[in-house]
Amino acid sequence: MARGWESKSVEAQQQDAATASDGQGKTPLTPEQAEVRRKRDSLVLSRKNVERQLALATNPRHRQMLEAALADLQAKIAQLD
């Protein structure tokens, strides 16, 4: 019986988190807004990947390439904001 109550509580918490993290409330996104959000999310993930690679890079030329890629990604993200 305790497991049933526990799972219901977890389910309710997940639903609350999903609606709270949406940020939009009940307003659906237009297709254009959804596309911009997807592009931005993709760019942010790419930026995190480049930052992680940059933290591990030791070759100066590789670091220079990663820094240029990071600057480009940040500029693209800024354009979308």
C-alpha atoms as a PDB file:
ATOM      1  CA  MET A   1       0.000   0.000   0.000  1.00  0.00           C
ATOM      2  CA  ALA A   2       2.837   2.385   0.761  1.00  0.00           C
ATOM      3  CA  ARG A   3       4.224   1.894  -2.718  1.00  0.00           C
ATOM      4  CA  GLY A   4       0.937   2.971  -4.295  1.00  0.00           C
ATOM      5  CA  TRP A   5       0.884   6.221  -2.357  1.00  0.00           C
ATOM      6  CA  GLU A   6       4.536   6.798  -3.064  1.00  0.00           C
ATOM      7  CA  SER A   7       4.172   6.308  -6.809  1.00  0.00           C
ATOM      8  CA  LYS A   8       1.170   8.626  -6.920  1.00  0.00           C
ATOM      9  CA  SER A   9       3.161  11.282  -5.127  1.00  0.00           C
ATOM     10  CA  VAL A  10       6.056  10.895  -7.541  1.00  0.00           C
ATOM     11  CA  GLU A  11       3.679  11.081 -10.493  1.00  0.00           C
ATOM     12  CA  ALA A  12       2.123  14.281  -9.147  1.00  0.00           C
ATOM     13  CA  GLN A  13       5.576  15.781  -8.579  1.00  0.00           C
ATOM     14  CA  GLN A  14       6.603  14.945 -12.139  1.00  0.00           C
ATOM     15  CA  GLN A  15       3.473  16.577 -13.534  1.00  0.00           C
ATOM     16  CA  ASP A  16       4.043  19.673 -11.424  1.00  0.00           C
ATOM     17  CA  ALA A  17       7.650  19.873 -12.574  1.00  0.00           C
ATOM     18  CA  ALA A  18       6.638  19.480 -16.207  1.00  0.00           C
ATOM     19  CA  THR A  19       4.112  22.302 -16.052  1.00  0.00           C
ATOM     20  CA  ALA A  20       6.429  24.538 -14.013  1.00  0.00           C
ATOM     21  CA  SER A  21       9.411  24.009 -16.311  1.00  0.00           C
ATOM     22  CA  ASP A  22       7.316  24.761 -19.384  1.00  0.00           C
ATOM     23  CA  GLY A  23       7.402  28.462 -18.535  1.00  0.00           C
ATOM     24  CA  GLN A  24       4.602  29.095 -20.991  1.00  0.00           C
ATOM     25  CA  GLY A  25       1.815  27.829 -18.772  1.00  0.00           C
ATOM     26  CA  LYS A  26      -1.149  26.847 -20.930  1.00  0.00           C
ATOM     27  CA  THR A  27      -0.182  28.927 -23.948  1.00  0.00           C
ATOM     28  CA  PRO A  28       0.911  26.618 -26.781  1.00  0.00           C
ATOM     29  CA  LEU A  29       3.869  27.593 -28.915  1.00  0.00           C
ATOM     30  CA  THR A  30       3.418  28.540 -32.531  1.00  0.00           C
ATOM     31  CA  PRO A  31       5.343  26.395 -35.016  1.00  0.00           C
ATOM     32  CA  GLU A  32       7.818  29.256 -35.504  1.00  0.00           C
ATOM     33  CA  GLN A  33       8.375  29.607 -31.757  1.00  0.00           C
ATOM     34  CA  ALA A  34       8.843  25.857 -31.420  1.00  0.00           C
ATOM     35  CA  GLU A  35      11.422  25.871 -34.229  1.00  0.00           C
ATOM     36  CA  VAL A  36      13.347  28.737 -32.589  1.00  0.00           C
ATOM     37  CA  ARG A  37      13.279  26.896 -29.261  1.00  0.00           C
ATOM     38  CA  ARG A  38      14.586  23.697 -30.898  1.00  0.00           C
ATOM     39  CA  LYS A  39      17.381  25.608 -32.641  1.00  0.00           C
ATOM     40  CA  ARG A  40      18.349  27.403 -29.439  1.00  0.00           C
ATOM     41  CA  ASP A  41      18.328  24.177 -27.415  1.00  0.00           C
ATOM     42  CA  SER A  42      20.520  22.516 -30.041  1.00  0.00           C
ATOM     43  CA  LEU A  43      22.966  25.436 -30.010  1.00  0.00           C
ATOM     44  CA  VAL A  44      23.128  25.414 -26.200  1.00  0.00           C
ATOM     45  CA  LEU A  45      23.925  21.690 -26.204  1.00  0.00           C
ATOM     46  CA  SER A  46      26.605  22.229 -28.823  1.00  0.00           C
ATOM     47  CA  ARG A  47      28.070  25.070 -26.762  1.00  0.00           C
ATOM     48  CA  LYS A  48      28.242  22.830 -23.681  1.00  0.00           C
ATOM     49  CA  ASN A  49      29.974  20.153 -25.724  1.00  0.00           C
ATOM     50  CA  VAL A  50      32.533  22.629 -27.072  1.00  0.00           C
ATOM     51  CA  GLU A  51      33.123  24.029 -23.571  1.00  0.00           C
ATOM     52  CA  ARG A  52      33.764  20.515 -22.257  1.00  0.00           C
ATOM     53  CA  GLN A  53      36.186  19.802 -25.114  1.00  0.00           C
ATOM     54  CA  LEU A  54      37.910  23.131 -24.531  1.00  0.00           C
ATOM     55  CA  ALA A  55      38.442  22.295 -20.867  1.00  0.00           C
ATOM     56  CA  LEU A  56      40.258  19.102 -21.889  1.00  0.00           C
ATOM     57  CA  ALA A  57      42.158  20.396 -24.927  1.00  0.00           C
ATOM     58  CA  THR A  58      45.917  20.779 -24.640  1.00  0.00           C
ATOM     59  CA  ASN A  59      46.967  21.464 -28.242  1.00  0.00           C
ATOM     60  CA  PRO A  60      47.059  25.235 -28.877  1.00  0.00           C
ATOM     61  CA  ARG A  61      45.660  24.927 -32.405  1.00  0.00           C
ATOM     62  CA  HIS A  62      42.817  22.710 -31.232  1.00  0.00           C
ATOM     63  CA  ARG A  63      42.048  25.159 -28.408  1.00  0.00           C
ATOM     64  CA  GLN A  64      42.038  28.029 -30.917  1.00  0.00           C
ATOM     65  CA  MET A  65      39.581  26.156 -33.150  1.00  0.00           C
ATOM     66  CA  LEU A  66      37.331  25.374 -30.179  1.00  0.00           C
ATOM     67  CA  GLU A  67      37.413  28.988 -28.991  1.00  0.00           C
ATOM     68  CA  ALA A  68      36.348  30.144 -32.458  1.00  0.00           C
ATOM     69  CA  ALA A  69      33.549  27.578 -32.506  1.00  0.00           C
ATOM     70  CA  LEU A  70      32.442  28.698 -29.047  1.00  0.00           C
ATOM     71  CA  ALA A  71      32.343  32.351 -30.118  1.00  0.00           C
ATOM     72  CA  ASP A  72      30.309  31.408 -33.194  1.00  0.00           C
ATOM     73  CA  LEU A  73      27.809  29.408 -31.136  1.00  0.00           C
ATOM     74  CA  GLN A  74      27.432  32.231 -28.626  1.00  0.00           C
ATOM     75  CA  ALA A  75      26.760  34.703 -31.447  1.00  0.00           C
ATOM     76  CA  LYS A  76      24.108  32.403 -32.939  1.00  0.00           C
ATOM     77  CA  ILE A  77      22.444  31.986 -29.548  1.00  0.00           C
ATOM     78  CA  ALA A  78      22.462  35.763 -29.061  1.00  0.00           C
ATOM     79  CA  GLN A  79      20.728  36.201 -32.442  1.00  0.00           C
ATOM     80  CA  LEU A  80      17.927  33.884 -31.389  1.00  0.00           C
ATOM     81  CA  ASP A  81      17.396  35.667 -28.042  1.00  0.00           C
END
